[in-house]
Amino acid sequence: MTKRLICLLLALMTLFSCALADGRNGSSNYLYTPYEEIIPAPPAYTLKYSLTARDYPEIDSLDNLVDIYVDDDAVYILCAKRLLVLEMDLSLRKVLTGYKDAEGNEVALDGCSGITVTPEKEIYITQSEKSQILNFNPDYSLKRVMGRPEIIGYDNVKYRPTKMVVDAAGRLYVISKGMYEGILELNADGTFTRFFGVNEVTFTPWQLFWRMFATKEQRARQSLWLPSDFTNLCIDQDGFLFATLMADDEMTVKRLNAKGQNIIKVDAEKPYPQGDLWTNESGFGIPTGKSQFIAVDVNDFGAYVCLDSTRSRVFCYNEDHSLLFIFGGPGDREGYFRNPVDVSFVGEYIVVLDALAQSIEVFAPTQYGKVLMNAVKHQYLYEYDVAAKYWEEALTYNHNLTLAYSGVGRMLLRSGEEEEAMEYLKMGDDRKYYDKAYEKVRTATLREYFVPGICVLLGLIALRIVYKVVKKIVKNKRKDRARI
């Protein structure tokens, strides 16, 4: 009885310490193997601090947080009724609560939904329910109000701009809620050009089969089959557009080229970047269903973060769309979120806006996270030798990191150490580069042993011929002796 009590106490202490560690790390620390199995991982990012209205005496609240934008020298935090312009250290620079219209009347900001800033420091703020976009000068004075663009055939569809970005050529890409044809591409003057990144409607075989036998009334009661609606977007350093969308399949994030085509390509063995691979389909009091990305941001070396609204988690991928780390989750503890609405890189930090908590959550990389991001950075810059050193260091923190084995293996392959590369690539489940290493090893082996092998083979053939000739001569001599 005493032994059972001691074992029970030890088990409870273990569970309690794990709970404390999880709360201290402030993260859902796990990864997926190439076989889609969940494995534990050390925290890559942990909560550094939370900012609320108490940290900014100039404002009374951070209610209705909706969007964040970061440029080279400022962080723009948008609420429904105010814009906060922060320094890179997140100290307050400017609060914008209103503007003067063309007649000189004071107009309060209201109903704001999205923000973007051009390299020339012009600010664009979308107002979804007012069907307009406000364009401000660098001095925060109003430059123009952009109303509904003329789109032939869509007169009866309400224009509700929610999020937008501006590319290097001055073109505006606007998400209008309820316009399922794609992202609106506008000229600099606000005129409509085309729908960009059009999503095609896809049907499951079961849906098609059921619809064949459904009556007219049943079809009328079925929900409309509409394309997926975009939710957020950003532009990366190469000018490509990252966009998130509410989708029934795994494509909840896309990288669109100039033609509006998705250029995210993954190997057949690797899953598409879609958040959690294992999810609860039913349950009470727990999130169910697949991950739904509602925000995306990319840094200068191709790593991008996606915010999952289903389970309030942040997923980070590298330029090859391999999962790097996960943090966050639903809850009131430090490092968790109540209602996250946007995510962005701010230098080496990752900032998440929590609308329900009315807070700006700032996450800093752990030593493991710094090593991981340095490896990704140098690999992006084609500095494979330096990247391999960071990958090796990352393995000291997380020996389950298949991506690190792959990174070291690829460097060894480029260095001509094919046999050792094969070992690392096998542990990294990098089949593509393993095949390349195996092919090089096989070719080198053939080159090394081909000439000696041919010589040995020719020698054996010559010996065989000599043997047959000698045997024939001996046989003939014996016949001649027999005749005598």
Protein backbone atom coordinates (compact mmCIF):
# COMPACT_ATOMS: atom_id res chain seq x y z
CA MET A 1 0.00 0.00 0.00
CA THR A 2 2.85 2.35 0.85
CA LYS A 3 4.61 1.61 -2.45
CA ARG A 4 1.42 2.38 -4.40
CA LEU A 5 1.00 5.68 -2.55
CA ILE A 6 4.63 6.65 -3.26
CA CYS A 7 4.22 5.78 -6.96
CA LEU A 8 1.02 7.82 -7.13
CA LEU A 9 2.70 10.83 -5.52
CA LEU A 10 5.67 10.56 -7.88
CA ALA A 11 3.32 10.41 -10.90
CA LEU A 12 1.41 13.47 -9.71
CA MET A 13 4.67 15.36 -9.13
CA THR A 14 5.83 14.46 -12.65
CA LEU A 15 2.58 15.65 -14.18
CA PHE A 16 2.72 18.87 -12.15
CA SER A 17 6.31 19.56 -13.21
CA CYS A 18 5.40 18.93 -16.85
CA ALA A 19 2.50 21.34 -16.55
CA LEU A 20 4.81 23.96 -15.04
CA ALA A 21 7.38 23.42 -17.77
CA ASP A 22 4.69 23.73 -20.43
CA GLY A 23 3.41 26.95 -18.90
CA ARG A 24 6.92 28.33 -18.55
CA ASN A 25 7.73 27.56 -22.17
CA GLY A 26 4.45 29.11 -23.22
CA SER A 27 4.19 26.98 -26.32
CA SER A 28 2.76 23.90 -27.90
CA ASN A 29 6.19 22.38 -28.38
CA TYR A 30 5.99 19.57 -30.89
CA LEU A 31 6.78 18.75 -34.51
CA TYR A 32 5.74 16.19 -37.08
CA THR A 33 8.02 13.48 -38.46
CA PRO A 34 8.15 12.81 -42.22
CA TYR A 35 5.65 10.04 -41.45
CA GLU A 36 3.28 12.58 -39.86
CA GLU A 37 3.87 11.34 -36.32
CA ILE A 38 3.83 13.87 -33.48
CA ILE A 39 7.12 14.21 -31.59
CA PRO A 40 8.14 16.61 -28.78
CA ALA A 41 10.44 19.52 -29.59
CA PRO A 42 12.22 22.16 -27.52
CA PRO A 43 10.64 25.64 -27.56
CA ALA A 44 11.94 27.79 -30.41
CA TYR A 45 10.12 30.96 -29.30
CA THR A 46 8.85 31.90 -25.86
CA LEU A 47 6.92 34.89 -24.56
CA LYS A 48 9.18 37.84 -23.80
CA TYR A 49 6.46 40.24 -22.63
CA SER A 50 2.89 41.37 -23.24
CA LEU A 51 1.97 44.96 -24.01
CA THR A 52 -1.42 46.38 -23.05
CA ALA A 53 -2.94 49.86 -22.83
CA ARG A 54 -1.30 50.27 -19.42
CA ASP A 55 2.06 50.36 -21.21
CA TYR A 56 0.90 53.29 -23.34
CA PRO A 57 -0.42 56.20 -21.19
CA GLU A 58 -1.46 58.06 -24.35
CA ILE A 59 -4.32 55.62 -25.06
CA ASP A 60 -7.10 54.21 -22.92
CA SER A 61 -7.43 50.74 -24.47
CA LEU A 62 -6.29 48.33 -27.16
CA ASP A 63 -9.78 47.16 -27.98
CA ASN A 64 -10.63 45.79 -31.43
CA LEU A 65 -7.10 44.99 -32.56
CA VAL A 66 -7.30 44.01 -36.22
CA ASP A 67 -3.97 44.24 -38.06
CA ILE A 68 -0.21 44.77 -37.85
CA TYR A 69 2.27 45.95 -40.46
CA VAL A 70 6.04 46.23 -40.09
CA ASP A 71 8.41 48.16 -42.34
CA ASP A 72 12.09 49.03 -42.02
CA ASP A 73 11.75 51.53 -39.15
CA ALA A 74 8.25 51.34 -37.63
CA VAL A 75 5.54 48.97 -36.44
CA TYR A 76 1.94 49.88 -37.27
CA ILE A 77 -0.74 48.47 -34.96
CA LEU A 78 -4.27 49.01 -36.21
CA CYS A 79 -7.37 48.97 -34.02
CA ALA A 80 -10.87 49.56 -35.31
CA LYS A 81 -10.79 53.18 -34.12
CA ARG A 82 -7.10 54.13 -33.93
CA LEU A 83 -3.71 53.57 -35.47
CA LEU A 84 -0.63 53.19 -33.28
CA VAL A 85 2.72 53.88 -34.88
CA LEU A 86 5.46 52.28 -32.80
CA GLU A 87 9.22 52.36 -32.92
CA MET A 88 11.04 49.09 -33.60
CA ASP A 89 11.43 48.64 -29.83
CA LEU A 90 7.60 48.96 -29.63
CA SER A 91 7.66 52.31 -27.84
CA LEU A 92 4.94 54.70 -29.00
CA ARG A 93 5.70 57.22 -31.74
CA LYS A 94 2.27 58.39 -32.93
CA VAL A 95 -1.44 57.83 -32.30
CA LEU A 96 -3.84 58.53 -35.15
CA THR A 97 -7.54 58.64 -34.22
CA GLY A 98 -8.92 60.78 -37.02
CA TYR A 99 -8.25 62.97 -40.03
CA LYS A 100 -9.52 66.03 -41.89
CA ASP A 101 -11.57 65.39 -45.01
CA ALA A 102 -11.52 67.46 -48.22
CA GLU A 103 -13.84 70.05 -46.63
CA GLY A 104 -11.66 70.39 -43.57
CA ASN A 105 -14.03 68.50 -41.26
CA GLU A 106 -12.65 66.28 -38.53
CA VAL A 107 -13.51 62.63 -39.17
CA ALA A 108 -12.86 59.95 -36.57
CA LEU A 109 -11.32 56.66 -37.58
CA ASP A 110 -13.88 53.90 -37.33
CA GLY A 111 -14.45 50.45 -38.76
CA CYS A 112 -10.80 49.94 -39.75
CA SER A 113 -9.92 46.41 -40.84
CA GLY A 114 -6.48 46.37 -42.49
CA ILE A 115 -3.31 48.41 -43.00
CA THR A 116 -0.34 48.50 -45.33
CA VAL A 117 2.48 51.01 -45.82
CA THR A 118 4.49 51.73 -48.96
CA PRO A 119 8.28 52.29 -49.04
CA GLU A 120 7.47 55.99 -49.50
CA LYS A 121 5.64 55.87 -46.13
CA GLU A 122 2.16 56.30 -47.59
CA ILE A 123 -0.40 54.55 -45.38
CA TYR A 124 -3.43 52.65 -46.64
CA ILE A 125 -6.22 51.71 -44.22
CA THR A 126 -9.18 49.61 -45.33
CA GLN A 127 -12.65 50.26 -43.92
CA SER A 128 -14.66 47.19 -44.75
CA GLU A 129 -18.18 48.26 -43.83
CA LYS A 130 -17.71 51.71 -45.34
CA SER A 131 -16.56 50.14 -48.62
CA GLN A 132 -13.54 52.40 -48.89
CA ILE A 133 -9.78 52.69 -48.46
CA LEU A 134 -8.12 55.68 -46.79
CA ASN A 135 -4.79 56.77 -48.23
CA PHE A 136 -2.61 58.93 -45.94
CA ASN A 137 0.52 60.93 -46.71
CA PRO A 138 3.73 60.28 -44.75
CA ASP A 139 2.78 63.19 -42.44
CA TYR A 140 -0.51 61.37 -41.60
CA SER A 141 -2.66 63.86 -43.51
CA LEU A 142 -5.37 62.41 -45.74
CA LYS A 143 -4.36 62.14 -49.39
CA ARG A 144 -7.49 60.56 -50.84
CA VAL A 145 -10.44 58.30 -50.14
CA MET A 146 -10.66 55.38 -52.53
CA GLY A 147 -14.21 54.19 -52.98
CA ARG A 148 -15.64 51.19 -54.75
CA PRO A 149 -13.83 50.39 -58.02
CA GLU A 150 -15.93 49.83 -61.12
CA ILE A 151 -16.12 46.09 -61.79
CA ILE A 152 -18.36 45.10 -64.68
CA GLY A 153 -20.88 42.43 -63.68
CA TYR A 154 -20.48 42.94 -59.93
CA ASP A 155 -22.80 45.87 -59.34
CA ASN A 156 -24.95 43.84 -56.94
CA VAL A 157 -22.00 42.46 -54.92
CA LYS A 158 -21.06 44.53 -51.89
CA TYR A 159 -17.50 45.84 -51.83
CA ARG A 160 -15.96 45.15 -48.41
CA PRO A 161 -12.16 45.63 -48.46
CA THR A 162 -10.61 43.88 -45.46
CA LYS A 163 -6.86 43.47 -46.11
CA MET A 164 -4.50 44.82 -48.74
CA VAL A 165 -0.88 45.23 -49.84
CA VAL A 166 0.91 47.42 -52.38
CA ASP A 167 3.68 46.05 -54.61
CA ALA A 168 6.82 47.81 -55.86
CA ALA A 169 5.01 49.00 -58.99
CA GLY A 170 2.27 50.70 -56.97
CA ARG A 171 -0.41 48.10 -57.75
CA LEU A 172 -2.92 47.47 -54.98
CA TYR A 173 -4.01 43.95 -54.05
CA VAL A 174 -7.21 44.03 -52.04
CA ILE A 175 -9.19 41.26 -50.36
CA SER A 176 -12.90 42.05 -50.52
CA LYS A 177 -14.99 39.87 -48.25
CA GLY A 178 -17.65 38.01 -50.19
CA MET A 179 -15.97 38.38 -53.60
CA TYR A 180 -14.98 34.77 -54.14
CA GLU A 181 -13.46 35.28 -57.58
CA GLY A 182 -10.06 36.20 -56.09
CA ILE A 183 -7.99 39.13 -54.87
CA LEU A 184 -8.76 42.47 -56.52
CA GLU A 185 -5.81 43.92 -58.41
CA LEU A 186 -6.11 47.70 -58.72
CA ASN A 187 -3.99 50.25 -60.49
CA ALA A 188 -2.33 53.01 -58.48
CA ASP A 189 -5.29 55.28 -59.26
CA GLY A 190 -7.73 52.73 -57.83
CA THR A 191 -9.16 51.40 -61.11
CA PHE A 192 -9.86 47.68 -61.33
CA THR A 193 -7.53 45.51 -63.43
CA ARG A 194 -8.39 41.88 -62.77
CA PHE A 195 -9.12 39.23 -60.19
CA PHE A 196 -5.82 37.81 -58.99
CA GLY A 197 -5.14 34.29 -57.70
CA VAL A 198 -8.58 32.95 -58.60
CA ASN A 199 -9.55 29.93 -56.52
CA GLU A 200 -11.18 27.07 -58.37
CA VAL A 201 -14.13 25.19 -56.90
CA THR A 202 -13.27 21.58 -56.07
CA PHE A 203 -15.70 18.78 -55.33
CA THR A 204 -15.22 15.51 -53.54
CA PRO A 205 -16.31 12.31 -55.34
CA TRP A 206 -19.00 11.83 -52.69
CA GLN A 207 -20.43 15.31 -53.32
CA LEU A 208 -20.61 14.67 -57.05
CA PHE A 209 -22.17 11.23 -56.52
CA TRP A 210 -24.81 12.57 -54.10
CA ARG A 211 -25.70 15.47 -56.37
CA MET A 212 -26.42 13.06 -59.23
CA PHE A 213 -29.31 11.55 -57.27
CA ALA A 214 -30.49 14.63 -55.36
CA THR A 215 -33.88 16.12 -56.19
CA LYS A 216 -34.32 19.73 -57.26
CA GLU A 217 -35.51 20.66 -53.75
CA GLN A 218 -32.55 18.94 -52.12
CA ARG A 219 -30.13 20.78 -54.37
CA ALA A 220 -31.79 24.06 -53.46
CA ARG A 221 -31.33 23.32 -49.75
CA GLN A 222 -27.65 22.45 -50.19
CA SER A 223 -25.09 25.14 -49.39
CA LEU A 224 -23.64 27.03 -52.33
CA TRP A 225 -20.47 25.59 -53.76
CA LEU A 226 -18.29 28.69 -53.79
CA PRO A 227 -14.54 29.17 -54.17
CA SER A 228 -12.51 29.65 -51.00
CA ASP A 229 -12.39 33.17 -49.60
CA PHE A 230 -9.02 34.84 -48.95
CA THR A 231 -8.40 36.08 -45.41
CA ASN A 232 -4.99 37.84 -45.38
CA LEU A 233 -1.91 38.51 -47.48
CA CYS A 234 1.64 39.88 -47.57
CA ILE A 235 4.42 40.38 -50.12
CA ASP A 236 7.77 38.64 -49.73
CA GLN A 237 11.25 39.93 -50.57
CA ASP A 238 11.03 38.53 -54.11
CA GLY A 239 7.76 40.26 -54.93
CA PHE A 240 5.58 37.15 -54.64
CA LEU A 241 2.29 37.31 -52.80
CA PHE A 242 1.60 35.08 -49.79
CA ALA A 243 -2.11 34.72 -49.12
CA THR A 244 -4.16 32.75 -46.59
CA LEU A 245 -7.64 31.48 -47.31
CA MET A 246 -10.49 29.60 -45.71
CA ALA A 247 -10.30 26.28 -47.54
CA ASP A 248 -11.76 22.82 -47.07
CA ASP A 249 -8.62 21.13 -48.41
CA GLU A 250 -5.03 21.50 -47.20
CA MET A 251 -4.30 24.66 -49.21
CA THR A 252 -4.89 27.29 -46.54
CA VAL A 253 -1.84 29.29 -47.67
CA LYS A 254 -0.58 30.05 -51.17
CA ARG A 255 2.40 31.79 -52.73
CA LEU A 256 1.23 33.48 -55.90
CA ASN A 257 3.36 34.54 -58.86
CA ALA A 258 2.63 37.37 -61.31
CA LYS A 259 0.08 35.18 -63.10
CA GLY A 260 -1.76 34.46 -59.87
CA GLN A 261 -0.63 30.83 -59.84
CA ASN A 262 0.27 29.03 -56.63
CA ILE A 263 3.98 28.18 -56.72
CA ILE A 264 4.19 26.29 -53.43
CA LYS A 265 5.43 22.90 -54.55
CA VAL A 266 6.32 20.08 -52.17
CA ASP A 267 7.61 16.58 -52.76
CA ALA A 268 5.12 13.75 -52.77
CA GLU A 269 6.57 12.48 -49.48
CA LYS A 270 6.20 15.85 -47.72
CA PRO A 271 2.87 17.36 -46.57
CA TYR A 272 1.67 20.70 -47.86
CA PRO A 273 2.08 23.53 -45.27
CA GLN A 274 -1.34 23.27 -43.66
CA GLY A 275 -0.86 23.55 -39.90
CA ASP A 276 -1.76 20.53 -37.80
CA LEU A 277 -1.75 17.21 -39.62
CA TRP A 278 -3.69 15.38 -36.89
CA THR A 279 -6.88 17.03 -35.65
CA ASN A 280 -10.00 16.19 -33.66
CA GLU A 281 -13.05 15.91 -35.88
CA SER A 282 -15.46 15.99 -32.95
CA GLY A 283 -15.43 16.73 -29.25
CA PHE A 284 -16.86 18.96 -26.54
CA GLY A 285 -14.94 22.00 -25.32
CA ILE A 286 -11.97 21.39 -27.63
CA PRO A 287 -11.11 22.82 -31.06
CA THR A 288 -12.15 20.54 -33.88
CA GLY A 289 -11.49 20.41 -37.59
CA LYS A 290 -8.49 21.29 -39.71
CA SER A 291 -6.27 24.32 -39.22
CA GLN A 292 -7.45 27.57 -40.80
CA PHE A 293 -4.76 30.17 -41.44
CA ILE A 294 -5.97 33.77 -41.04
CA ALA A 295 -2.65 35.64 -41.22
CA VAL A 296 0.79 35.23 -42.77
CA ASP A 297 4.09 37.11 -42.71
CA VAL A 298 7.49 36.40 -44.23
CA ASN A 299 10.96 37.55 -43.19
CA ASP A 300 13.98 38.51 -45.29
CA PHE A 301 15.26 34.97 -45.71
CA GLY A 302 12.17 33.13 -46.79
CA ALA A 303 10.85 31.86 -43.45
CA TYR A 304 7.15 32.53 -43.01
CA VAL A 305 4.73 32.29 -40.11
CA CYS A 306 1.04 31.40 -40.36
CA LEU A 307 -1.57 31.99 -37.66
CA ASP A 308 -4.07 29.18 -37.13
CA SER A 309 -7.44 30.44 -35.89
CA THR A 310 -8.71 26.94 -35.10
CA ARG A 311 -6.21 26.23 -32.31
CA SER A 312 -4.58 29.66 -31.85
CA ARG A 313 -1.15 28.42 -32.88
CA VAL A 314 1.68 29.88 -34.92
CA PHE A 315 3.34 27.63 -37.49
CA CYS A 316 6.68 28.59 -39.03
CA TYR A 317 7.99 27.17 -42.31
CA ASN A 318 11.23 27.69 -44.23
CA GLU A 319 11.57 28.63 -47.91
CA ASP A 320 11.23 24.94 -48.88
CA HIS A 321 7.92 24.83 -46.95
CA SER A 322 9.26 22.47 -44.29
CA LEU A 323 7.89 22.94 -40.77
CA LEU A 324 10.41 24.60 -38.43
CA PHE A 325 8.49 25.06 -35.18
CA ILE A 326 5.11 25.62 -33.56
CA PHE A 327 4.15 27.73 -30.59
CA GLY A 328 1.06 29.11 -28.93
CA GLY A 329 -2.32 27.54 -28.30
CA PRO A 330 -5.70 28.45 -26.79
CA GLY A 331 -5.72 29.48 -23.14
CA ASP A 332 -5.13 32.17 -20.53
CA ARG A 333 -1.60 31.16 -19.57
CA GLU A 334 1.50 33.04 -20.60
CA GLY A 335 2.42 32.33 -24.19
CA TYR A 336 -1.09 31.26 -25.14
CA PHE A 337 -3.84 33.23 -26.85
CA ARG A 338 -7.51 33.96 -26.30
CA ASN A 339 -8.30 35.30 -29.77
CA PRO A 340 -5.25 35.93 -31.98
CA VAL A 341 -5.96 37.97 -35.12
CA ASP A 342 -2.58 38.69 -36.71
CA VAL A 343 1.10 37.73 -36.60
CA SER A 344 4.25 39.42 -37.87
CA PHE A 345 8.04 39.36 -37.67
CA VAL A 346 9.57 42.36 -35.90
CA GLY A 347 13.30 41.91 -36.26
CA GLU A 348 14.14 38.61 -34.60
CA TYR A 349 10.89 38.73 -32.59
CA ILE A 350 7.47 37.42 -33.57
CA VAL A 351 4.52 39.58 -32.52
CA VAL A 352 0.95 38.30 -32.19
CA LEU A 353 -2.11 40.52 -31.69
CA ASP A 354 -4.64 39.07 -29.24
CA ALA A 355 -7.96 40.86 -29.74
CA LEU A 356 -9.79 39.34 -26.78
CA ALA A 357 -6.92 39.91 -24.34
CA GLN A 358 -6.38 43.37 -25.89
CA SER A 359 -2.65 42.77 -25.88
CA ILE A 360 0.41 42.73 -28.10
CA GLU A 361 2.24 39.46 -27.42
CA VAL A 362 5.97 39.60 -28.12
CA PHE A 363 7.86 36.32 -28.55
CA ALA A 364 11.64 36.06 -28.54
CA PRO A 365 13.74 33.18 -29.88
CA THR A 366 15.34 30.77 -27.46
CA GLN A 367 18.92 29.72 -28.09
CA TYR A 368 17.52 26.77 -30.04
CA GLY A 369 15.31 29.15 -32.03
CA LYS A 370 18.26 31.43 -32.84
CA VAL A 371 20.32 28.49 -34.07
CA LEU A 372 17.40 27.23 -36.14
CA MET A 373 16.72 30.59 -37.79
CA ASN A 374 20.44 31.16 -38.45
CA ALA A 375 20.60 27.81 -40.22
CA VAL A 376 17.60 28.75 -42.36
CA LYS A 377 19.08 32.18 -43.10
CA HIS A 378 22.48 30.94 -44.26
CA GLN A 379 20.91 28.16 -46.28
CA TYR A 380 18.72 30.77 -48.00
CA LEU A 381 21.89 32.79 -48.77
CA TYR A 382 23.55 29.65 -50.26
CA GLU A 383 26.12 29.65 -47.47
CA TYR A 384 25.78 25.92 -46.98
CA ASP A 385 28.95 25.39 -44.93
CA VAL A 386 27.86 27.96 -42.35
CA ALA A 387 24.29 26.62 -42.40
CA ALA A 388 25.54 23.09 -41.75
CA LYS A 389 27.33 24.23 -38.59
CA TYR A 390 24.08 25.67 -37.28
CA TRP A 391 22.19 22.52 -38.28
CA GLU A 392 24.70 20.46 -36.32
CA GLU A 393 24.26 22.73 -33.32
CA ALA A 394 20.47 22.46 -33.66
CA LEU A 395 20.80 18.68 -33.37
CA THR A 396 22.34 19.13 -29.92
CA TYR A 397 19.05 20.71 -28.82
CA ASN A 398 16.70 18.48 -30.81
CA HIS A 399 17.98 15.15 -32.08
CA ASN A 400 14.58 14.50 -33.69
CA LEU A 401 14.97 17.41 -36.12
CA THR A 402 15.01 15.62 -39.48
CA LEU A 403 15.44 18.94 -41.27
CA ALA A 404 18.83 19.38 -39.57
CA TYR A 405 20.02 15.93 -40.66
CA SER A 406 18.96 16.83 -44.17
CA GLY A 407 20.80 20.17 -44.03
CA VAL A 408 24.05 18.55 -42.88
CA GLY A 409 23.66 15.77 -45.44
CA ARG A 410 23.21 18.21 -48.30
CA MET A 411 26.34 20.11 -47.27
CA LEU A 412 28.34 16.87 -47.14
CA LEU A 413 27.00 15.95 -50.56
CA ARG A 414 28.17 19.28 -52.00
CA SER A 415 31.55 18.74 -50.34
CA GLY A 416 31.98 15.42 -52.08
CA GLU A 417 31.54 13.26 -48.96
CA GLU A 418 28.77 11.18 -50.49
CA GLU A 419 28.89 8.13 -48.22
CA GLU A 420 28.67 10.17 -45.01
CA ALA A 421 26.02 12.34 -46.68
CA MET A 422 23.91 9.24 -47.31
CA GLU A 423 23.84 8.48 -43.58
CA TYR A 424 22.60 11.97 -42.67
CA LEU A 425 20.15 12.15 -45.57
CA LYS A 426 18.70 8.80 -44.54
CA MET A 427 18.16 10.06 -40.98
CA GLY A 428 16.65 13.24 -42.45
CA ASP A 429 14.36 11.17 -44.69
CA ASP A 430 15.55 13.32 -47.61
CA ARG A 431 14.87 10.82 -50.37
CA LYS A 432 15.54 13.19 -53.24
CA TYR A 433 19.09 14.07 -52.15
CA TYR A 434 19.71 10.54 -50.83
CA ASP A 435 19.12 9.26 -54.35
CA LYS A 436 21.59 11.85 -55.67
CA ALA A 437 24.21 10.80 -53.12
CA TYR A 438 23.61 7.11 -53.85
CA GLU A 439 23.97 7.74 -57.58
CA LYS A 440 27.28 9.52 -57.03
CA VAL A 441 28.56 6.73 -54.76
CA ARG A 442 27.53 4.13 -57.32
CA THR A 443 29.17 6.08 -60.16
CA ALA A 444 32.38 6.52 -58.15
CA THR A 445 32.40 2.82 -57.30
CA LEU A 446 31.97 1.87 -60.94
CA ARG A 447 34.76 4.23 -61.98
CA GLU A 448 37.08 2.81 -59.34
CA TYR A 449 36.50 -0.84 -60.09
CA PHE A 450 35.49 -0.80 -63.76
CA VAL A 451 38.98 -1.04 -65.32
CA PRO A 452 40.32 -3.62 -62.81
CA GLY A 453 37.09 -5.54 -63.17
CA ILE A 454 37.32 -5.57 -66.94
CA CYS A 455 40.96 -6.65 -66.72
CA VAL A 456 40.09 -9.48 -64.37
CA LEU A 457 37.21 -10.51 -66.62
CA LEU A 458 39.39 -10.47 -69.74
CA GLY A 459 42.05 -12.41 -67.84
CA LEU A 460 39.54 -15.06 -66.86
CA ILE A 461 38.32 -15.27 -70.44
CA ALA A 462 41.92 -15.61 -71.67
CA LEU A 463 42.62 -18.32 -69.10
CA ARG A 464 39.50 -20.10 -70.21
CA ILE A 465 40.60 -19.98 -73.83
CA VAL A 466 44.14 -21.12 -72.97
CA TYR A 467 42.70 -23.90 -70.86
CA LYS A 468 40.54 -25.13 -73.73
CA VAL A 469 43.44 -24.95 -76.22
CA VAL A 470 45.80 -26.84 -73.88
CA LYS A 471 43.11 -29.37 -73.12
CA LYS A 472 42.51 -29.94 -76.83
CA ILE A 473 46.24 -30.34 -77.51
CA VAL A 474 46.63 -32.84 -74.68
CA LYS A 475 43.60 -34.75 -75.91
CA ASN A 476 44.97 -34.94 -79.46
CA LYS A 477 48.36 -36.20 -78.19
CA ARG A 478 46.64 -38.95 -76.24
CA LYS A 479 44.75 -40.01 -79.37
CA ASP A 480 47.99 -40.10 -81.38
CA ARG A 481 49.67 -42.27 -78.75
CA ALA A 482 46.71 -44.61 -78.72
CA ARG A 483 47.00 -45.14 -82.47
CA ILE A 484 50.71 -46.04 -82.20
